[in-house]
Amino acid sequence: MDVAVCGAQVPFTRGGAELLMENLVGALREAGHRADLVQIPVGWEKDRLFDAPLAWRLAPVDADVVIATNFPSYFVRHPRKVVWLLHQHRGAYDMVDAAWNDIGLDATSLETQRQLTDWDNRALGEAREVFTISDVVGDRLARFNGLASTTLYHPPPLFDRLQAGPAGDYVLLPSRLASNKRPGLLVEAMAHLRTATRVVLAGDGPLRDELAQRAEHLGVADRLVLPGYVSDDELLELFSGALAVVYPPIDEDYGYVTLQAFAASKPVITCADSGGVLEWVVDGENGCVGDGSPEAMARAIDDLAADPAAAAELGARGRSRVDELSWQPVVDRLLAAAG
């Protein structure tokens, strides 16, 4: 079949959503279909929020099946539309009144949110079936929109290339250095470490300079490594040699870092409010779930550093948790839903 994967794109931005769309197109092609990625730019600001949904309504997408992913690509019109939802516009739902968000609790914002909810319900209701990438996303959809969905898990980028290696003297946090990923929590935790464990923050973002300055202020800069953006080969080496992987985002939709860590047989240290990460990490079984404080994170790192054999056992259990992940069941289920 001819399958169009539809997704929104913020120009000059690339992250997990873009990787998912590209990998889905690749999986469809591998399954013998002709697949392509169709994207329309999106603006998140309140005054431009309805522009991209309108553009999707007008866009002619000629294909046998369309698979829509993130907001607002599911506004595309097609008789055989399936939605595999990465997320809605979270600023209009669970992140209303967040510090970074221009949708608050004033009358204009509330009317914007009401209108978007109505539009979302109509557009999502057109789909043959709605799937989500995690239970967290599905729970939000049910809570705010009253819509049912089915979770479809998928493997992360580099899944087939990640390998276990001997544990080194560092923990790894590979992520965009932005506030929603909370890299600052790990830097703060460094001041409470009893061991000499190093921290590698692999990635770039708006908090990079602030994190370096904070490490200097705390007196831990000599143990903080900030390599910036790293290549795939470098990232594979970092995963392989880590003692553990730290991933403490706020209410994450899915969390590729978690699955990549488990694929490399590394335990994951996270927080009780990290969302989709907790669909995979079980405290004491394949990682450590803390209360979100620097002290709790430091204790978890120290405990693993003091007992590398226990850390390796947690990582091995993590690996078994993700062993069955594959793109083929995802492709089969999405296309079967299209009818």
Foldseek 3Di string as FASTA:
>chain_A
DEEEEEDEDAPPDDDQVNQVSVVLCVLCVVVPYHYDYDYDYADLALVRHCVVLVVQCPDDDDGPEYEYEEPPNLSHDDQLYEYAYLAYSCCLFVVECPPVGPQHPDPVSVVSSVVVLVSVLVSNVSHLAYEYQFVLRQVRCCVSNVDHYHHDHAAGPCLVPAAAAAADQEEEEEDEPDVQFPPVLQLLLQLQAPDLRAYEYAEYYDCVVVSCVVNVVSVNNVRYHYPHHDDPVVVSVCLRHHLAYETEGAQRSADNPLNSNLSRLFAYEYEPRPHNSVVQHDDPQQYHYYHSHSNRSSVRSNVSVVPSVSRSRSSPSSNVSCVPHHSVVVVVVSVVSSD
